[in-house]
C-alpha atoms as a PDB file:
ATOM      1  CA  MET A   1      89.549 114.659 119.676  1.00  0.00           C
ATOM      2  CA  LYS A   2      92.258 117.323 119.657  1.00  0.00           C
ATOM      3  CA  LYS A   3      93.268 118.711 116.302  1.00  0.00           C
ATOM      4  CA  ILE A   4      96.948 119.235 115.586  1.00  0.00           C
ATOM      5  CA  TYR A   5      98.750 120.916 112.730  1.00  0.00           C
ATOM      6  CA  LEU A   6     102.346 119.888 111.975  1.00  0.00           C
ATOM      7  CA  ASP A   7     104.350 122.191 109.748  1.00  0.00           C
ATOM      8  CA  VAL A   8     106.522 120.820 106.955  1.00  0.00           C
ATOM      9  CA  CYS A   9     109.800 121.134 108.891  1.00  0.00           C
ATOM     10  CA  THR A  10     108.298 118.780 111.490  1.00  0.00           C
ATOM     11  CA  LEU A  11     107.024 116.363 108.852  1.00  0.00           C
ATOM     12  CA  CYS A  12     110.514 116.350 107.309  1.00  0.00           C
ATOM     13  CA  ARG A  13     112.363 115.778 110.584  1.00  0.00           C
ATOM     14  CA  PRO A  14     112.891 112.019 109.959  1.00  0.00           C
ATOM     15  CA  TYR A  15     114.837 112.924 106.790  1.00  0.00           C
ATOM     16  CA  ASP A  16     117.308 115.156 108.654  1.00  0.00           C
ATOM     17  CA  ASP A  17     120.722 114.136 110.031  1.00  0.00           C
ATOM     18  CA  GLN A  18     119.851 111.816 112.920  1.00  0.00           C
ATOM     19  CA  SER A  19     123.367 111.959 114.396  1.00  0.00           C
ATOM     20  CA  LEU A  20     122.352 115.102 116.307  1.00  0.00           C
ATOM     21  CA  LEU A  21     120.577 114.376 119.591  1.00  0.00           C
ATOM     22  CA  ARG A  22     118.059 117.194 119.229  1.00  0.00           C
ATOM     23  CA  ILE A  23     117.007 115.995 115.787  1.00  0.00           C
ATOM     24  CA  ARG A  24     116.662 112.406 117.026  1.00  0.00           C
ATOM     25  CA  LEU A  25     114.485 113.581 119.940  1.00  0.00           C
ATOM     26  CA  GLU A  26     112.285 115.621 117.615  1.00  0.00           C
ATOM     27  CA  THR A  27     112.088 112.698 115.172  1.00  0.00           C
ATOM     28  CA  ASP A  28     111.103 110.298 117.944  1.00  0.00           C
ATOM     29  CA  SER A  29     108.516 112.813 119.132  1.00  0.00           C
ATOM     30  CA  PHE A  30     107.157 113.126 115.597  1.00  0.00           C
ATOM     31  CA  PHE A  31     106.711 109.340 115.448  1.00  0.00           C
ATOM     32  CA  LEU A  32     104.971 109.342 118.861  1.00  0.00           C
ATOM     33  CA  ILE A  33     102.606 112.012 117.558  1.00  0.00           C
ATOM     34  CA  LEU A  34     101.994 110.073 114.345  1.00  0.00           C
ATOM     35  CA  LYS A  35     101.253 106.921 116.376  1.00  0.00           C
ATOM     36  CA  ALA A  36      98.740 108.889 118.448  1.00  0.00           C
ATOM     37  CA  VAL A  37      97.150 110.108 115.182  1.00  0.00           C
ATOM     38  CA  THR A  38      96.833 106.531 113.909  1.00  0.00           C
ATOM     39  CA  ASP A  39      95.351 105.550 117.291  1.00  0.00           C
ATOM     40  CA  GLU A  40      92.810 108.362 116.735  1.00  0.00           C
ATOM     41  CA  LYS A  41      93.869 110.308 119.811  1.00  0.00           C
ATOM     42  CA  TYR A  42      94.497 113.346 117.584  1.00  0.00           C
ATOM     43  CA  GLN A  43      93.333 114.522 114.204  1.00  0.00           C
ATOM     44  CA  MET A  44      96.182 115.765 112.017  1.00  0.00           C
ATOM     45  CA  ILE A  45      95.019 118.779 110.026  1.00  0.00           C
ATOM     46  CA  THR A  46      96.494 119.564 106.626  1.00  0.00           C
ATOM     47  CA  SER A  47      96.189 122.598 104.404  1.00  0.00           C
ATOM     48  CA  PRO A  48      96.991 123.553 100.813  1.00  0.00           C
ATOM     49  CA  ILE A  49     100.319 125.096 101.896  1.00  0.00           C
ATOM     50  CA  HIS A  50     101.536 121.646 103.021  1.00  0.00           C
ATOM     51  CA  PHE A  51     101.238 120.308  99.487  1.00  0.00           C
ATOM     52  CA  ARG A  52     102.683 123.492  97.968  1.00  0.00           C
ATOM     53  CA  GLU A  53     105.763 123.355 100.200  1.00  0.00           C
ATOM     54  CA  ILE A  54     106.267 119.626  99.712  1.00  0.00           C
ATOM     55  CA  ALA A  55     106.121 120.089  95.927  1.00  0.00           C
ATOM     56  CA  ASP A  56     109.345 122.114  96.225  1.00  0.00           C
ATOM     57  CA  ILE A  57     111.310 119.273  97.856  1.00  0.00           C
ATOM     58  CA  ASN A  58     114.020 118.022  95.488  1.00  0.00           C
ATOM     59  CA  GLU A  59     114.372 114.487  96.826  1.00  0.00           C
ATOM     60  CA  GLN A  60     111.665 112.549  94.954  1.00  0.00           C
ATOM     61  CA  SER A  61     111.287 109.675  97.438  1.00  0.00           C
ATOM     62  CA  GLU A  62     110.970 112.095 100.379  1.00  0.00           C
ATOM     63  CA  LYS A  63     108.376 114.124  98.490  1.00  0.00           C
ATOM     64  CA  LEU A  64     106.308 111.029  97.650  1.00  0.00           C
ATOM     65  CA  GLN A  65     106.495 109.681 101.202  1.00  0.00           C
ATOM     66  CA  LEU A  66     105.341 113.026 102.635  1.00  0.00           C
ATOM     67  CA  ILE A  67     102.426 113.279 100.214  1.00  0.00           C
ATOM     68  CA  ASN A  68     101.478 109.705 101.101  1.00  0.00           C
ATOM     69  CA  LEU A  69     101.683 110.541 104.808  1.00  0.00           C
ATOM     70  CA  LEU A  70      99.387 113.547 104.424  1.00  0.00           C
ATOM     71  CA  GLU A  71      96.932 111.675 102.228  1.00  0.00           C
ATOM     72  CA  ASN A  72      96.744 108.690 104.594  1.00  0.00           C
ATOM     73  CA  PHE A  73      96.786 110.404 107.979  1.00  0.00           C
ATOM     74  CA  GLY A  74      95.915 114.046 107.369  1.00  0.00           C
ATOM     75  CA  SER A  75      92.480 115.614 107.380  1.00  0.00           C
ATOM     76  CA  ILE A  76      91.786 118.370 104.913  1.00  0.00           C
ATOM     77  CA  ILE A  77      89.082 120.627 106.200  1.00  0.00           C
ATOM     78  CA  LYS A  78      87.162 123.474 104.646  1.00  0.00           C
ATOM     79  CA  TYR A  79      88.990 126.741 105.252  1.00  0.00           C
ATOM     80  CA  ASP A  80      87.978 130.344 104.873  1.00  0.00           C
ATOM     81  CA  LEU A  81      90.595 131.251 102.266  1.00  0.00           C
ATOM     82  CA  LEU A  82      89.885 134.986 102.496  1.00  0.00           C
ATOM     83  CA  PHE A  83      90.474 134.879 106.254  1.00  0.00           C
ATOM     84  CA  ALA A  84      93.685 132.879 105.724  1.00  0.00           C
ATOM     85  CA  LYS A  85      94.940 135.440 103.209  1.00  0.00           C
ATOM     86  CA  MET A  86      94.143 138.422 105.440  1.00  0.00           C
ATOM     87  CA  ARG A  87      95.489 136.759 108.588  1.00  0.00           C
ATOM     88  CA  SER A  88      98.704 135.673 106.896  1.00  0.00           C
ATOM     89  CA  LYS A  89      99.295 139.269 105.774  1.00  0.00           C
ATOM     90  CA  GLU A  90      98.858 140.421 109.396  1.00  0.00           C
ATOM     91  CA  LEU A  91     101.324 137.798 110.588  1.00  0.00           C
ATOM     92  CA  ILE A  92     103.857 138.731 107.908  1.00  0.00           C
ATOM     93  CA  ASN A  93     103.591 142.349 109.059  1.00  0.00           C
ATOM     94  CA  LYS A  94     104.335 141.125 112.591  1.00  0.00           C
ATOM     95  CA  GLY A  95     107.588 139.526 111.450  1.00  0.00           C
ATOM     96  CA  LEU A  96     106.730 135.975 110.401  1.00  0.00           C
ATOM     97  CA  GLY A  97     108.000 134.526 107.159  1.00  0.00           C
ATOM     98  CA  VAL A  98     105.511 133.991 104.344  1.00  0.00           C
ATOM     99  CA  ALA A  99     105.194 130.186 104.628  1.00  0.00           C
ATOM    100  CA  ASP A 100     105.065 130.304 108.443  1.00  0.00           C
ATOM    101  CA  ALA A 101     102.365 132.978 108.349  1.00  0.00           C
ATOM    102  CA  ILE A 102     100.257 130.986 105.913  1.00  0.00           C
ATOM    103  CA  HIS A 103     100.611 127.775 107.939  1.00  0.00           C
ATOM    104  CA  ILE A 104      99.575 129.561 111.123  1.00  0.00           C
ATOM    105  CA  ALA A 105      96.657 131.304 109.396  1.00  0.00           C
ATOM    106  CA  PHE A 106      95.315 127.890 108.407  1.00  0.00           C
ATOM    107  CA  ALA A 107      96.146 126.303 111.769  1.00  0.00           C
ATOM    108  CA  GLU A 108      94.328 129.037 113.676  1.00  0.00           C
ATOM    109  CA  GLN A 109      91.131 128.101 111.864  1.00  0.00           C
ATOM    110  CA  ALA A 110      91.263 124.418 112.690  1.00  0.00           C
ATOM    111  CA  ALA A 111      93.879 123.250 115.180  1.00  0.00           C
ATOM    112  CA  ASP A 112      94.342 123.276 118.926  1.00  0.00           C
ATOM    113  CA  SER A 113      98.117 123.019 118.547  1.00  0.00           C
ATOM    114  CA  PHE A 114     100.615 124.005 115.862  1.00  0.00           C
ATOM    115  CA  ILE A 115     103.761 121.873 116.025  1.00  0.00           C
ATOM    116  CA  THR A 116     107.077 123.058 114.591  1.00  0.00           C
ATOM    117  CA  CYS A 117     110.812 122.378 114.902  1.00  0.00           C
ATOM    118  CA  ASP A 118     111.613 125.924 113.755  1.00  0.00           C
ATOM    119  CA  ASP A 119     113.252 127.768 116.677  1.00  0.00           C
ATOM    120  CA  LYS A 120     112.799 131.197 115.086  1.00  0.00           C
ATOM    121  CA  LEU A 121     109.100 130.592 114.590  1.00  0.00           C
ATOM    122  CA  LEU A 122     108.736 129.282 118.142  1.00  0.00           C
ATOM    123  CA  LYS A 123     110.440 132.393 119.514  1.00  0.00           C
ATOM    124  CA  LYS A 124     108.432 134.805 117.348  1.00  0.00           C
ATOM    125  CA  SER A 125     105.175 133.074 118.227  1.00  0.00           C
ATOM    126  CA  THR A 126     105.629 133.964 121.900  1.00  0.00           C
ATOM    127  CA  LYS A 127     105.574 137.651 120.969  1.00  0.00           C
ATOM    128  CA  ILE A 128     102.466 137.525 118.782  1.00  0.00           C
ATOM    129  CA  LYS A 129      98.918 136.810 119.915  1.00  0.00           C
ATOM    130  CA  LEU A 130      97.931 133.625 118.110  1.00  0.00           C
ATOM    131  CA  ASN A 131      94.733 131.599 118.251  1.00  0.00           C
ATOM    132  CA  THR A 132      96.535 128.270 118.560  1.00  0.00           C
ATOM    133  CA  ASN A 133      99.293 126.899 120.771  1.00  0.00           C
ATOM    134  CA  VAL A 134     102.715 126.753 119.090  1.00  0.00           C
ATOM    135  CA  LEU A 135     104.992 123.993 120.372  1.00  0.00           C
ATOM    136  CA  ASN A 136     108.071 121.983 119.524  1.00  0.00           C
ATOM    137  CA  PRO A 137     107.190 118.269 119.009  1.00  0.00           C
ATOM    138  CA  VAL A 138     109.134 117.253 122.133  1.00  0.00           C
ATOM    139  CA  GLN A 139     107.280 119.807 124.261  1.00  0.00           C
ATOM    140  CA  PHE A 140     103.968 118.726 122.767  1.00  0.00           C
ATOM    141  CA  CYS A 141     104.681 115.088 123.672  1.00  0.00           C
ATOM    142  CA  LEU A 142     105.701 116.051 127.200  1.00  0.00           C
ATOM    143  CA  ASN A 143     102.588 118.202 127.674  1.00  0.00           C
ATOM    144  CA  GLU A 144     100.318 115.463 126.336  1.00  0.00           C
ATOM    145  CA  GLY A 145     101.938 112.625 128.289  1.00  0.00           C
ATOM    146  CA  LEU A 146     103.117 110.826 125.155  1.00  0.00           C
ATOM    147  CA  ILE A 147     106.629 110.590 126.636  1.00  0.00           C
ATOM    148  CA  ILE A 148     106.826 108.699 129.885  1.00  0.00           C
END
């Protein structure tokens, strides 16, 4: 079973303004991915940074729904925290933001694919050697045949 890691901007996509076509496509793709997780086609990996980032969300109902989502569908695995700390520092030095670097440092330890809606992160990831594939949710669905 493939392991996937969705960053918080992807998990939050259903809460964004759905009047924009791109956001609707990414939201629909997120739900296709979540359906594939519930069908046990993929294992959704979570990390401590997910819960840390979600704790900062102001909207209480969104925060609770995201925590529920991670607790019900996510898999927390054992990470090498020292490796994650060192790797995230390397990634920060290569131009990634702090949260993005930490997410990727965890994802590299456990996931085949890292899924994000963040265009800047997607662009930067093409210039850095990473140990996981970084994809937009729509591209992931297309690559995996989830969109027909």
